[in-house]
Amino acid sequence: MPEDEYIDEPLTELERDQLDTGWFYFLATPEVYPALYGYVDQSRGYPIGEGTKATTLHGLPPAEELMTTTDGSGQLMLQLATWRVTPDDLAALQPYIDQGVLSIVTELEWLSLKPKDSEEL
């Protein structure tokens, strides 16, 4: 890429957090999670390996296995490694973000909403 085409824009706080931590931290309403769950399965071709010894049925965990935020909003918490989330995924998620039913937060925000482990109490 020629140097004159490269624009060195500073990272946003969220982009910097993702670079530093290697994670995307998602908060989703329980109502929208089935759509996200279905999107991942469809876009990744799940189930994979059906009828074989190593089978992956779904790309995301069931909603029942996710933590719920402690702020009373009832949002589901999902943490994904940044290498697993593509630009196409982010484009597909944008309408949900625009509607306010999905958000991507920083690690600090995530930790402030995460339930305390019973061992920490």
PDB file of N, CA and C in Angstrom:
ATOM      1  N   MET A   1       0.856  -1.182   0.000  1.00  0.00           N
ATOM      2  CA  MET A   1       0.000   0.000   0.000  1.00  0.00           C
ATOM      3  C   MET A   1       0.896   1.236   0.000  1.00  0.00           C
ATOM      4  N   PRO A   2       0.730   2.116  -0.944  1.00  0.00           N
ATOM      5  CA  PRO A   2       1.549   3.336  -0.965  1.00  0.00           C
ATOM      6  C   PRO A   2       1.337   4.167   0.292  1.00  0.00           C
ATOM      7  N   GLU A   3       2.413   4.818   0.717  1.00  0.00           N
ATOM      8  CA  GLU A   3       2.364   5.594   1.957  1.00  0.00           C
ATOM      9  C   GLU A   3       1.320   6.693   1.933  1.00  0.00           C
ATOM     10  N   ASP A   4       1.129   7.345   0.779  1.00  0.00           N
ATOM     11  CA  ASP A   4       0.184   8.455   0.722  1.00  0.00           C
ATOM     12  C   ASP A   4      -1.269   8.006   0.850  1.00  0.00           C
ATOM     13  N   GLU A   5      -1.552   6.693   0.704  1.00  0.00           N
ATOM     14  CA  GLU A   5      -2.910   6.187   0.867  1.00  0.00           C
ATOM     15  C   GLU A   5      -3.191   5.751   2.296  1.00  0.00           C
ATOM     16  N   TYR A   6      -2.155   5.608   3.097  1.00  0.00           N
ATOM     17  CA  TYR A   6      -2.311   5.124   4.463  1.00  0.00           C
ATOM     18  C   TYR A   6      -2.642   6.285   5.385  1.00  0.00           C
ATOM     19  N   ILE A   7      -3.741   6.155   6.092  1.00  0.00           N
ATOM     20  CA  ILE A   7      -4.143   7.192   7.037  1.00  0.00           C
ATOM     21  C   ILE A   7      -3.957   6.630   8.444  1.00  0.00           C
ATOM     22  N   ASP A   8      -3.136   7.288   9.207  1.00  0.00           N
ATOM     23  CA  ASP A   8      -2.848   6.833  10.567  1.00  0.00           C
ATOM     24  C   ASP A   8      -3.799   7.526  11.546  1.00  0.00           C
ATOM     25  N   GLU A   9      -4.978   6.910  11.729  1.00  0.00           N
ATOM     26  CA  GLU A   9      -5.966   7.465  12.643  1.00  0.00           C
ATOM     27  C   GLU A   9      -5.768   6.841  14.014  1.00  0.00           C
ATOM     28  N   PRO A  10      -5.908   7.632  15.057  1.00  0.00           N
ATOM     29  CA  PRO A  10      -5.771   7.052  16.402  1.00  0.00           C
ATOM     30  C   PRO A  10      -6.897   6.056  16.680  1.00  0.00           C
ATOM     31  N   LEU A  11      -6.568   5.057  17.481  1.00  0.00           N
ATOM     32  CA  LEU A  11      -7.566   4.058  17.858  1.00  0.00           C
ATOM     33  C   LEU A  11      -8.566   4.649  18.838  1.00  0.00           C
ATOM     34  N   THR A  12      -9.800   4.190  18.753  1.00  0.00           N
ATOM     35  CA  THR A  12     -10.791   4.577  19.755  1.00  0.00           C
ATOM     36  C   THR A  12     -10.470   3.833  21.049  1.00  0.00           C
ATOM     37  N   GLU A  13     -11.095   4.209  22.123  1.00  0.00           N
ATOM     38  CA  GLU A  13     -10.909   3.521  23.397  1.00  0.00           C
ATOM     39  C   GLU A  13     -11.275   2.039  23.271  1.00  0.00           C
ATOM     40  N   LEU A  14     -12.357   1.776  22.564  1.00  0.00           N
ATOM     41  CA  LEU A  14     -12.810   0.402  22.371  1.00  0.00           C
ATOM     42  C   LEU A  14     -11.820  -0.402  21.514  1.00  0.00           C
ATOM     43  N   GLU A  15     -11.336   0.191  20.432  1.00  0.00           N
ATOM     44  CA  GLU A  15     -10.348  -0.490  19.590  1.00  0.00           C
ATOM     45  C   GLU A  15      -9.054  -0.760  20.359  1.00  0.00           C
ATOM     46  N   ARG A  16      -8.626   0.190  21.144  1.00  0.00           N
ATOM     47  CA  ARG A  16      -7.410   0.031  21.950  1.00  0.00           C
ATOM     48  C   ARG A  16      -7.603  -1.100  22.954  1.00  0.00           C
ATOM     49  N   ASP A  17      -8.767  -1.163  23.570  1.00  0.00           N
ATOM     50  CA  ASP A  17      -9.072  -2.212  24.534  1.00  0.00           C
ATOM     51  C   ASP A  17      -9.030  -3.585  23.865  1.00  0.00           C
ATOM     52  N   GLN A  18      -9.609  -3.685  22.681  1.00  0.00           N
ATOM     53  CA  GLN A  18      -9.618  -4.961  21.955  1.00  0.00           C
ATOM     54  C   GLN A  18      -8.204  -5.379  21.574  1.00  0.00           C
ATOM     55  N   LEU A  19      -7.392  -4.422  21.173  1.00  0.00           N
ATOM     56  CA  LEU A  19      -6.005  -4.707  20.822  1.00  0.00           C
ATOM     57  C   LEU A  19      -5.219  -5.158  22.052  1.00  0.00           C
ATOM     58  N   ASP A  20      -5.417  -4.474  23.167  1.00  0.00           N
ATOM     59  CA  ASP A  20      -4.683  -4.784  24.400  1.00  0.00           C
ATOM     60  C   ASP A  20      -5.115  -6.107  25.020  1.00  0.00           C
ATOM     61  N   THR A  21      -6.415  -6.399  24.994  1.00  0.00           N
ATOM     62  CA  THR A  21      -6.919  -7.593  25.685  1.00  0.00           C
ATOM     63  C   THR A  21      -7.027  -8.811  24.775  1.00  0.00           C
ATOM     64  N   GLY A  22      -7.242  -8.576  23.484  1.00  0.00           N
ATOM     65  CA  GLY A  22      -7.465  -9.690  22.557  1.00  0.00           C
ATOM     66  C   GLY A  22      -8.886 -10.228  22.599  1.00  0.00           C
ATOM     67  N   TRP A  23      -9.795  -9.446  23.195  1.00  0.00           N
ATOM     68  CA  TRP A  23     -11.182  -9.901  23.358  1.00  0.00           C
ATOM     69  C   TRP A  23     -12.173  -8.848  22.891  1.00  0.00           C
ATOM     70  N   PHE A  24     -13.318  -9.345  22.406  1.00  0.00           N
ATOM     71  CA  PHE A  24     -14.519  -8.552  22.239  1.00  0.00           C
ATOM     72  C   PHE A  24     -15.412  -8.900  23.422  1.00  0.00           C
ATOM     73  N   TYR A  25     -15.982  -7.906  24.047  1.00  0.00           N
ATOM     74  CA  TYR A  25     -16.912  -8.097  25.162  1.00  0.00           C
ATOM     75  C   TYR A  25     -18.288  -7.623  24.705  1.00  0.00           C
ATOM     76  N   PHE A  26     -19.203  -8.572  24.544  1.00  0.00           N
ATOM     77  CA  PHE A  26     -20.545  -8.271  24.054  1.00  0.00           C
ATOM     78  C   PHE A  26     -21.562  -8.349  25.179  1.00  0.00           C
ATOM     79  N   LEU A  27     -22.543  -7.452  25.134  1.00  0.00           N
ATOM     80  CA  LEU A  27     -23.722  -7.505  25.996  1.00  0.00           C
ATOM     81  C   LEU A  27     -24.922  -7.567  25.064  1.00  0.00           C
ATOM     82  N   ALA A  28     -25.780  -8.561  25.258  1.00  0.00           N
ATOM     83  CA  ALA A  28     -26.939  -8.746  24.379  1.00  0.00           C
ATOM     84  C   ALA A  28     -28.195  -8.971  25.202  1.00  0.00           C
ATOM     85  N   THR A  29     -29.297  -8.432  24.735  1.00  0.00           N
ATOM     86  CA  THR A  29     -30.560  -8.709  25.412  1.00  0.00           C
ATOM     87  C   THR A  29     -30.921 -10.172  25.161  1.00  0.00           C
ATOM     88  N   PRO A  30     -31.621 -10.798  26.095  1.00  0.00           N
ATOM     89  CA  PRO A  30     -32.030 -12.191  25.892  1.00  0.00           C
ATOM     90  C   PRO A  30     -32.897 -12.365  24.641  1.00  0.00           C
ATOM     91  N   GLU A  31     -33.636 -11.337  24.262  1.00  0.00           N
ATOM     92  CA  GLU A  31     -34.515 -11.418  23.103  1.00  0.00           C
ATOM     93  C   GLU A  31     -33.728 -11.483  21.784  1.00  0.00           C
ATOM     94  N   VAL A  32     -32.580 -10.813  21.708  1.00  0.00           N
ATOM     95  CA  VAL A  32     -31.808 -10.782  20.463  1.00  0.00           C
ATOM     96  C   VAL A  32     -30.807 -11.933  20.381  1.00  0.00           C
ATOM     97  N   TYR A  33     -30.461 -12.535  21.499  1.00  0.00           N
ATOM     98  CA  TYR A  33     -29.433 -13.567  21.480  1.00  0.00           C
ATOM     99  C   TYR A  33     -29.743 -14.727  20.525  1.00  0.00           C
ATOM    100  N   PRO A  34     -30.978 -15.224  20.443  1.00  0.00           N
ATOM    101  CA  PRO A  34     -31.243 -16.306  19.479  1.00  0.00           C
ATOM    102  C   PRO A  34     -30.897 -15.921  18.032  1.00  0.00           C
ATOM    103  N   ALA A  35     -31.082 -14.668  17.660  1.00  0.00           N
ATOM    104  CA  ALA A  35     -30.723 -14.222  16.309  1.00  0.00           C
ATOM    105  C   ALA A  35     -29.208 -14.251  16.121  1.00  0.00           C
ATOM    106  N   LEU A  36     -28.459 -13.835  17.143  1.00  0.00           N
ATOM    107  CA  LEU A  36     -26.998 -13.863  17.067  1.00  0.00           C
ATOM    108  C   LEU A  36     -26.493 -15.300  17.002  1.00  0.00           C
ATOM    109  N   TYR A  37     -27.070 -16.132  17.819  1.00  0.00           N
ATOM    110  CA  TYR A  37     -26.742 -17.560  17.883  1.00  0.00           C
ATOM    111  C   TYR A  37     -26.969 -18.200  16.511  1.00  0.00           C
ATOM    112  N   GLY A  38     -28.103 -17.896  15.902  1.00  0.00           N
ATOM    113  CA  GLY A  38     -28.434 -18.415  14.575  1.00  0.00           C
ATOM    114  C   GLY A  38     -27.525 -17.866  13.491  1.00  0.00           C
ATOM    115  N   TYR A  39     -27.182 -16.574  13.597  1.00  0.00           N
ATOM    116  CA  TYR A  39     -26.278 -15.965  12.618  1.00  0.00           C
ATOM    117  C   TYR A  39     -24.933 -16.678  12.613  1.00  0.00           C
ATOM    118  N   VAL A  40     -24.373 -16.920  13.781  1.00  0.00           N
ATOM    119  CA  VAL A  40     -23.067 -17.573  13.857  1.00  0.00           C
ATOM    120  C   VAL A  40     -23.146 -18.983  13.273  1.00  0.00           C
ATOM    121  N   ASP A  41     -24.179 -19.724  13.632  1.00  0.00           N
ATOM    122  CA  ASP A  41     -24.323 -21.070  13.084  1.00  0.00           C
ATOM    123  C   ASP A  41     -24.414 -21.035  11.555  1.00  0.00           C
ATOM    124  N   GLN A  42     -25.230 -20.142  11.027  1.00  0.00           N
ATOM    125  CA  GLN A  42     -25.426 -20.051   9.585  1.00  0.00           C
ATOM    126  C   GLN A  42     -24.152 -19.585   8.885  1.00  0.00           C
ATOM    127  N   SER A  43     -23.491 -18.564   9.416  1.00  0.00           N
ATOM    128  CA  SER A  43     -22.316 -18.001   8.746  1.00  0.00           C
ATOM    129  C   SER A  43     -21.101 -18.916   8.827  1.00  0.00           C
ATOM    130  N   ARG A  44     -21.055 -19.786   9.830  1.00  0.00           N
ATOM    131  CA  ARG A  44     -19.910 -20.688  10.000  1.00  0.00           C
ATOM    132  C   ARG A  44     -20.200 -22.115   9.534  1.00  0.00           C
ATOM    133  N   GLY A  45     -21.442 -22.371   9.134  1.00  0.00           N
ATOM    134  CA  GLY A  45     -21.786 -23.687   8.623  1.00  0.00           C
ATOM    135  C   GLY A  45     -21.990 -24.756   9.681  1.00  0.00           C
ATOM    136  N   TYR A  46     -22.408 -24.364  10.874  1.00  0.00           N
ATOM    137  CA  TYR A  46     -22.682 -25.338  11.931  1.00  0.00           C
ATOM    138  C   TYR A  46     -24.014 -26.016  11.673  1.00  0.00           C
ATOM    139  N   PRO A  47     -24.176 -27.248  12.038  1.00  0.00           N
ATOM    140  CA  PRO A  47     -23.240 -28.101  12.776  1.00  0.00           C
ATOM    141  C   PRO A  47     -22.134 -28.634  11.866  1.00  0.00           C
ATOM    142  N   ILE A  48     -20.973 -28.849  12.481  1.00  0.00           N
ATOM    143  CA  ILE A  48     -19.801 -29.363  11.779  1.00  0.00           C
ATOM    144  C   ILE A  48     -19.460 -30.736  12.345  1.00  0.00           C
ATOM    145  N   GLY A  49     -19.225 -31.686  11.462  1.00  0.00           N
ATOM    146  CA  GLY A  49     -18.802 -33.011  11.894  1.00  0.00           C
ATOM    147  C   GLY A  49     -19.896 -33.887  12.449  1.00  0.00           C
ATOM    148  N   GLU A  50     -21.153 -33.589  12.110  1.00  0.00           N
ATOM    149  CA  GLU A  50     -22.253 -34.415  12.616  1.00  0.00           C
ATOM    150  C   GLU A  50     -22.026 -35.874  12.244  1.00  0.00           C
ATOM    151  N   GLY A  51     -22.239 -36.749  13.196  1.00  0.00           N
ATOM    152  CA  GLY A  51     -22.064 -38.166  12.968  1.00  0.00           C
ATOM    153  C   GLY A  51     -20.631 -38.641  13.101  1.00  0.00           C
ATOM    154  N   THR A  52     -19.734 -37.732  13.461  1.00  0.00           N
ATOM    155  CA  THR A  52     -18.341 -38.113  13.671  1.00  0.00           C
ATOM    156  C   THR A  52     -18.008 -37.999  15.142  1.00  0.00           C
ATOM    157  N   LYS A  53     -16.808 -38.405  15.479  1.00  0.00           N
ATOM    158  CA  LYS A  53     -16.380 -38.365  16.879  1.00  0.00           C
ATOM    159  C   LYS A  53     -16.268 -36.916  17.396  1.00  0.00           C
ATOM    160  N   ALA A  54     -15.732 -36.027  16.570  1.00  0.00           N
ATOM    161  CA  ALA A  54     -15.574 -34.616  16.952  1.00  0.00           C
ATOM    162  C   ALA A  54     -16.674 -33.800  16.279  1.00  0.00           C
ATOM    163  N   THR A  55     -17.641 -33.397  17.051  1.00  0.00           N
ATOM    164  CA  THR A  55     -18.788 -32.675  16.511  1.00  0.00           C
ATOM    165  C   THR A  55     -18.912 -31.318  17.186  1.00  0.00           C
ATOM    166  N   THR A  56     -19.121 -30.286  16.379  1.00  0.00           N
ATOM    167  CA  THR A  56     -19.442 -28.961  16.898  1.00  0.00           C
ATOM    168  C   THR A  56     -20.831 -28.630  16.376  1.00  0.00           C
ATOM    169  N   LEU A  57     -21.786 -28.560  17.285  1.00  0.00           N
ATOM    170  CA  LEU A  57     -23.167 -28.330  16.875  1.00  0.00           C
ATOM    171  C   LEU A  57     -23.499 -26.860  16.699  1.00  0.00           C
ATOM    172  N   HIS A  58     -22.889 -26.003  17.546  1.00  0.00           N
ATOM    173  CA  HIS A  58     -23.203 -24.571  17.515  1.00  0.00           C
ATOM    174  C   HIS A  58     -21.941 -23.753  17.738  1.00  0.00           C
ATOM    175  N   GLY A  59     -21.949 -22.546  17.176  1.00  0.00           N
ATOM    176  CA  GLY A  59     -20.795 -21.665  17.301  1.00  0.00           C
ATOM    177  C   GLY A  59     -20.751 -20.863  18.580  1.00  0.00           C
ATOM    178  N   LEU A  60     -21.897 -20.645  19.192  1.00  0.00           N
ATOM    179  CA  LEU A  60     -21.964 -19.896  20.447  1.00  0.00           C
ATOM    180  C   LEU A  60     -22.607 -20.777  21.513  1.00  0.00           C
ATOM    181  N   PRO A  61     -22.299 -20.512  22.773  1.00  0.00           N
ATOM    182  CA  PRO A  61     -22.953 -21.287  23.829  1.00  0.00           C
ATOM    183  C   PRO A  61     -24.436 -20.933  23.932  1.00  0.00           C
ATOM    184  N   PRO A  62     -25.246 -21.878  24.428  1.00  0.00           N
ATOM    185  CA  PRO A  62     -26.657 -21.559  24.655  1.00  0.00           C
ATOM    186  C   PRO A  62     -26.792 -20.408  25.665  1.00  0.00           C
ATOM    187  N   ALA A  63     -27.846 -19.655  25.544  1.00  0.00           N
ATOM    188  CA  ALA A  63     -28.064 -18.510  26.431  1.00  0.00           C
ATOM    189  C   ALA A  63     -28.021 -18.908  27.904  1.00  0.00           C
ATOM    190  N   GLU A  64     -28.503 -20.110  28.204  1.00  0.00           N
ATOM    191  CA  GLU A  64     -28.542 -20.561  29.603  1.00  0.00           C
ATOM    192  C   GLU A  64     -27.150 -20.700  30.212  1.00  0.00           C
ATOM    193  N   GLU A  65     -26.132 -20.808  29.381  1.00  0.00           N
ATOM    194  CA  GLU A  65     -24.766 -20.982  29.882  1.00  0.00           C
ATOM    195  C   GLU A  65     -24.012 -19.663  30.040  1.00  0.00           C
ATOM    196  N   LEU A  66     -24.635 -18.560  29.637  1.00  0.00           N
ATOM    197  CA  LEU A  66     -23.969 -17.261  29.712  1.00  0.00           C
ATOM    198  C   LEU A  66     -24.254 -16.576  31.049  1.00  0.00           C
ATOM    199  N   MET A  67     -23.313 -15.720  31.462  1.00  0.00           N
ATOM    200  CA  MET A  67     -23.533 -14.898  32.647  1.00  0.00           C
ATOM    201  C   MET A  67     -24.524 -13.790  32.302  1.00  0.00           C
ATOM    202  N   THR A  68     -25.190 -13.288  33.317  1.00  0.00           N
ATOM    203  CA  THR A  68     -26.109 -12.161  33.174  1.00  0.00           C
ATOM    204  C   THR A  68     -25.524 -10.981  33.935  1.00  0.00           C
ATOM    205  N   THR A  69     -25.639  -9.791  33.375  1.00  0.00           N
ATOM    206  CA  THR A  69     -25.090  -8.592  34.014  1.00  0.00           C
ATOM    207  C   THR A  69     -25.692  -8.384  35.403  1.00  0.00           C
ATOM    208  N   THR A  70     -24.941  -7.723  36.242  1.00  0.00           N
ATOM    209  CA  THR A  70     -25.383  -7.478  37.618  1.00  0.00           C
ATOM    210  C   THR A  70     -26.093  -6.139  37.790  1.00  0.00           C
ATOM    211  N   ASP A  71     -26.317  -5.403  36.697  1.00  0.00           N
ATOM    212  CA  ASP A  71     -26.927  -4.075  36.797  1.00  0.00           C
ATOM    213  C   ASP A  71     -28.448  -4.100  36.736  1.00  0.00           C
ATOM    214  N   GLY A  72     -29.042  -5.305  36.693  1.00  0.00           N
ATOM    215  CA  GLY A  72     -30.492  -5.409  36.651  1.00  0.00           C
ATOM    216  C   GLY A  72     -31.080  -5.367  35.250  1.00  0.00           C
ATOM    217  N   SER A  73     -30.245  -5.186  34.234  1.00  0.00           N
ATOM    218  CA  SER A  73     -30.755  -5.103  32.859  1.00  0.00           C
ATOM    219  C   SER A  73     -31.060  -6.481  32.277  1.00  0.00           C
ATOM    220  N   GLY A  74     -30.490  -7.516  32.864  1.00  0.00           N
ATOM    221  CA  GLY A  74     -30.720  -8.875  32.374  1.00  0.00           C
ATOM    222  C   GLY A  74     -29.979  -9.211  31.094  1.00  0.00           C
ATOM    223  N   GLN A  75     -29.022  -8.368  30.717  1.00  0.00           N
ATOM    224  CA  GLN A  75     -28.274  -8.631  29.488  1.00  0.00           C
ATOM    225  C   GLN A  75     -27.357  -9.841  29.659  1.00  0.00           C
ATOM    226  N   LEU A  76     -27.198 -10.566  28.561  1.00  0.00           N
ATOM    227  CA  LEU A  76     -26.314 -11.719  28.536  1.00  0.00           C
ATOM    228  C   LEU A  76     -24.902 -11.255  28.178  1.00  0.00           C
ATOM    229  N   MET A  77     -23.911 -11.889  28.769  1.00  0.00           N
ATOM    230  CA  MET A  77     -22.521 -11.496  28.586  1.00  0.00           C
ATOM    231  C   MET A  77     -21.793 -12.559  27.762  1.00  0.00           C
ATOM    232  N   LEU A  78     -21.169 -12.121  26.675  1.00  0.00           N
ATOM    233  CA  LEU A  78     -20.459 -13.028  25.790  1.00  0.00           C
ATOM    234  C   LEU A  78     -19.084 -12.439  25.491  1.00  0.00           C
ATOM    235  N   GLN A  79     -18.054 -13.227  25.698  1.00  0.00           N
ATOM    236  CA  GLN A  79     -16.678 -12.815  25.465  1.00  0.00           C
ATOM    237  C   GLN A  79     -16.109 -13.680  24.341  1.00  0.00           C
ATOM    238  N   LEU A  80     -15.626 -13.026  23.266  1.00  0.00           N
ATOM    239  CA  LEU A  80     -15.064 -13.745  22.122  1.00  0.00           C
ATOM    240  C   LEU A  80     -13.686 -13.193  21.785  1.00  0.00           C
ATOM    241  N   ALA A  81     -12.759 -14.080  21.483  1.00  0.00           N
ATOM    242  CA  ALA A  81     -11.425 -13.663  21.047  1.00  0.00           C
ATOM    243  C   ALA A  81     -11.547 -12.840  19.770  1.00  0.00           C
ATOM    244  N   THR A  82     -10.733 -11.807  19.670  1.00  0.00           N
ATOM    245  CA  THR A  82     -10.842 -10.900  18.524  1.00  0.00           C
ATOM    246  C   THR A  82     -10.610 -11.621  17.192  1.00  0.00           C
ATOM    247  N   TRP A  83      -9.794 -12.658  17.161  1.00  0.00           N
ATOM    248  CA  TRP A  83      -9.531 -13.355  15.899  1.00  0.00           C
ATOM    249  C   TRP A  83     -10.756 -14.110  15.406  1.00  0.00           C
ATOM    250  N   ARG A  84     -11.732 -14.343  16.278  1.00  0.00           N
ATOM    251  CA  ARG A  84     -12.940 -15.069  15.877  1.00  0.00           C
ATOM    252  C   ARG A  84     -13.996 -14.162  15.238  1.00  0.00           C
ATOM    253  N   VAL A  85     -13.839 -12.856  15.374  1.00  0.00           N
ATOM    254  CA  VAL A  85     -14.850 -11.910  14.895  1.00  0.00           C
ATOM    255  C   VAL A  85     -14.319 -11.207  13.648  1.00  0.00           C
ATOM    256  N   THR A  86     -15.028 -11.371  12.537  1.00  0.00           N
ATOM    257  CA  THR A  86     -14.587 -10.811  11.257  1.00  0.00           C
ATOM    258  C   THR A  86     -15.254  -9.457  10.999  1.00  0.00           C
ATOM    259  N   PRO A  87     -14.720  -8.703  10.051  1.00  0.00           N
ATOM    260  CA  PRO A  87     -15.395  -7.460   9.650  1.00  0.00           C
ATOM    261  C   PRO A  87     -16.822  -7.719   9.164  1.00  0.00           C
ATOM    262  N   ASP A  88     -17.044  -8.848   8.481  1.00  0.00           N
ATOM    263  CA  ASP A  88     -18.407  -9.190   8.047  1.00  0.00           C
ATOM    264  C   ASP A  88     -19.320  -9.408   9.253  1.00  0.00           C
ATOM    265  N   ASP A  89     -18.790 -10.029  10.306  1.00  0.00           N
ATOM    266  CA  ASP A  89     -19.573 -10.224  11.531  1.00  0.00           C
ATOM    267  C   ASP A  89     -19.974  -8.875  12.117  1.00  0.00           C
ATOM    268  N   LEU A  90     -19.014  -7.972  12.198  1.00  0.00           N
ATOM    269  CA  LEU A  90     -19.301  -6.654  12.774  1.00  0.00           C
ATOM    270  C   LEU A  90     -20.341  -5.911  11.944  1.00  0.00           C
ATOM    271  N   ALA A  91     -20.273  -6.052  10.622  1.00  0.00           N
ATOM    272  CA  ALA A  91     -21.279  -5.417   9.757  1.00  0.00           C
ATOM    273  C   ALA A  91     -22.659  -6.029  10.003  1.00  0.00           C
ATOM    274  N   ALA A  92     -22.703  -7.352  10.180  1.00  0.00           N
ATOM    275  CA  ALA A  92     -23.985  -8.027  10.441  1.00  0.00           C
ATOM    276  C   ALA A  92     -24.546  -7.647  11.810  1.00  0.00           C
ATOM    277  N   LEU A  93     -23.678  -7.337  12.755  1.00  0.00           N
ATOM    278  CA  LEU A  93     -24.111  -6.986  14.108  1.00  0.00           C
ATOM    279  C   LEU A  93     -24.533  -5.522  14.236  1.00  0.00           C
ATOM    280  N   GLN A  94     -24.091  -4.684  13.304  1.00  0.00           N
ATOM    281  CA  GLN A  94     -24.340  -3.241  13.418  1.00  0.00           C
ATOM    282  C   GLN A  94     -25.813  -2.875  13.582  1.00  0.00           C
ATOM    283  N   PRO A  95     -26.744  -3.492  12.851  1.00  0.00           N
ATOM    284  CA  PRO A  95     -28.157  -3.134  13.068  1.00  0.00           C
ATOM    285  C   PRO A  95     -28.619  -3.399  14.509  1.00  0.00           C
ATOM    286  N   TYR A  96     -28.122  -4.458  15.118  1.00  0.00           N
ATOM    287  CA  TYR A  96     -28.480  -4.761  16.507  1.00  0.00           C
ATOM    288  C   TYR A  96     -27.882  -3.728  17.458  1.00  0.00           C
ATOM    289  N   ILE A  97     -26.667  -3.299  17.140  1.00  0.00           N
ATOM    290  CA  ILE A  97     -26.021  -2.256  17.947  1.00  0.00           C
ATOM    291  C   ILE A  97     -26.813  -0.953  17.810  1.00  0.00           C
ATOM    292  N   ASP A  98     -27.199  -0.627  16.577  1.00  0.00           N
ATOM    293  CA  ASP A  98     -27.976   0.593  16.320  1.00  0.00           C
ATOM    294  C   ASP A  98     -29.316   0.575  17.055  1.00  0.00           C
ATOM    295  N   GLN A  99     -29.916  -0.607  17.195  1.00  0.00           N
ATOM    296  CA  GLN A  99     -31.201  -0.741  17.897  1.00  0.00           C
ATOM    297  C   GLN A  99     -31.023  -0.725  19.416  1.00  0.00           C
ATOM    298  N   GLY A 100     -29.784  -0.838  19.889  1.00  0.00           N
ATOM    299  CA  GLY A 100     -29.536  -0.823  21.329  1.00  0.00           C
ATOM    300  C   GLY A 100     -29.764  -2.166  22.011  1.00  0.00           C
ATOM    301  N   VAL A 101     -29.857  -3.259  21.234  1.00  0.00           N
ATOM    302  CA  VAL A 101     -30.079  -4.571  21.834  1.00  0.00           C
ATOM    303  C   VAL A 101     -28.792  -5.382  21.935  1.00  0.00           C
ATOM    304  N   LEU A 102     -27.713  -4.820  21.406  1.00  0.00           N
ATOM    305  CA  LEU A 102     -26.390  -5.428  21.478  1.00  0.00           C
ATOM    306  C   LEU A 102     -25.386  -4.307  21.647  1.00  0.00           C
ATOM    307  N   SER A 103     -24.393  -4.533  22.485  1.00  0.00           N
ATOM    308  CA  SER A 103     -23.332  -3.540  22.612  1.00  0.00           C
ATOM    309  C   SER A 103     -22.000  -4.259  22.779  1.00  0.00           C
ATOM    310  N   ILE A 104     -20.961  -3.547  22.402  1.00  0.00           N
ATOM    311  CA  ILE A 104     -19.596  -4.009  22.605  1.00  0.00           C
ATOM    312  C   ILE A 104     -18.989  -3.045  23.614  1.00  0.00           C
ATOM    313  N   VAL A 105     -18.462  -3.587  24.706  1.00  0.00           N
ATOM    314  CA  VAL A 105     -17.951  -2.755  25.782  1.00  0.00           C
ATOM    315  C   VAL A 105     -16.473  -3.057  26.031  1.00  0.00           C
ATOM    316  N   THR A 106     -15.836  -2.226  26.814  1.00  0.00           N
ATOM    317  CA  THR A 106     -14.440  -2.441  27.183  1.00  0.00           C
ATOM    318  C   THR A 106     -14.350  -3.489  28.290  1.00  0.00           C
ATOM    319  N   GLU A 107     -13.147  -3.968  28.507  1.00  0.00           N
ATOM    320  CA  GLU A 107     -12.933  -4.939  29.582  1.00  0.00           C
ATOM    321  C   GLU A 107     -13.328  -4.358  30.939  1.00  0.00           C
ATOM    322  N   LEU A 108     -13.011  -3.097  31.165  1.00  0.00           N
ATOM    323  CA  LEU A 108     -13.352  -2.457  32.438  1.00  0.00           C
ATOM    324  C   LEU A 108     -14.864  -2.415  32.643  1.00  0.00           C
ATOM    325  N   GLU A 109     -15.602  -2.049  31.614  1.00  0.00           N
ATOM    326  CA  GLU A 109     -17.067  -2.043  31.702  1.00  0.00           C
ATOM    327  C   GLU A 109     -17.584  -3.462  31.958  1.00  0.00           C
ATOM    328  N   TRP A 110     -17.020  -4.421  31.237  1.00  0.00           N
ATOM    329  CA  TRP A 110     -17.393  -5.832  31.370  1.00  0.00           C
ATOM    330  C   TRP A 110     -17.200  -6.297  32.809  1.00  0.00           C
ATOM    331  N   LEU A 111     -16.031  -6.003  33.357  1.00  0.00           N
ATOM    332  CA  LEU A 111     -15.726  -6.453  34.720  1.00  0.00           C
ATOM    333  C   LEU A 111     -16.646  -5.807  35.750  1.00  0.00           C
ATOM    334  N   SER A 112     -17.069  -4.572  35.481  1.00  0.00           N
ATOM    335  CA  SER A 112     -17.962  -3.895  36.425  1.00  0.00           C
ATOM    336  C   SER A 112     -19.366  -4.503  36.415  1.00  0.00           C
ATOM    337  N   LEU A 113     -19.720  -5.221  35.354  1.00  0.00           N
ATOM    338  CA  LEU A 113     -21.044  -5.835  35.227  1.00  0.00           C
ATOM    339  C   LEU A 113     -21.042  -7.342  35.484  1.00  0.00           C
ATOM    340  N   LYS A 114     -19.854  -7.903  35.562  1.00  0.00           N
ATOM    341  CA  LYS A 114     -19.706  -9.359  35.702  1.00  0.00           C
ATOM    342  C   LYS A 114     -20.078  -9.801  37.118  1.00  0.00           C
ATOM    343  N   PRO A 115     -20.844 -10.863  37.218  1.00  0.00           N
ATOM    344  CA  PRO A 115     -21.156 -11.401  38.558  1.00  0.00           C
ATOM    345  C   PRO A 115     -19.875 -11.828  39.271  1.00  0.00           C
ATOM    346  N   LYS A 116     -19.843 -11.641  40.553  1.00  0.00           N
ATOM    347  CA  LYS A 116     -18.699 -12.070  41.353  1.00  0.00           C
ATOM    348  C   LYS A 116     -18.724 -13.584  41.488  1.00  0.00           C
ATOM    349  N   ASP A 117     -17.547 -14.202  41.373  1.00  0.00           N
ATOM    350  CA  ASP A 117     -17.451 -15.638  41.628  1.00  0.00           C
ATOM    351  C   ASP A 117     -17.766 -15.900  43.083  1.00  0.00           C
ATOM    352  N   SER A 118     -18.400 -17.018  43.365  1.00  0.00           N
ATOM    353  CA  SER A 118     -18.751 -17.340  44.758  1.00  0.00           C
ATOM    354  C   SER A 118     -17.495 -17.465  45.617  1.00  0.00           C
ATOM    355  N   GLU A 119     -16.351 -17.821  45.006  1.00  0.00           N
ATOM    356  CA  GLU A 119     -15.111 -17.926  45.758  1.00  0.00           C
ATOM    357  C   GLU A 119     -14.607 -16.548  46.198  1.00  0.00           C
ATOM    358  N   GLU A 120     -14.968 -15.501  45.432  1.00  0.00           N
ATOM    359  CA  GLU A 120     -14.513 -14.158  45.756  1.00  0.00           C
ATOM    360  C   GLU A 120     -15.325 -13.526  46.865  1.00  0.00           C
ATOM    361  N   LEU A 121     -16.503 -14.063  47.163  1.00  0.00           N
ATOM    362  CA  LEU A 121     -17.393 -13.463  48.146  1.00  0.00           C
ATOM    363  C   LEU A 121     -16.970 -13.726  49.549  1.00  0.00           C
TER     364      LEU A 121
END
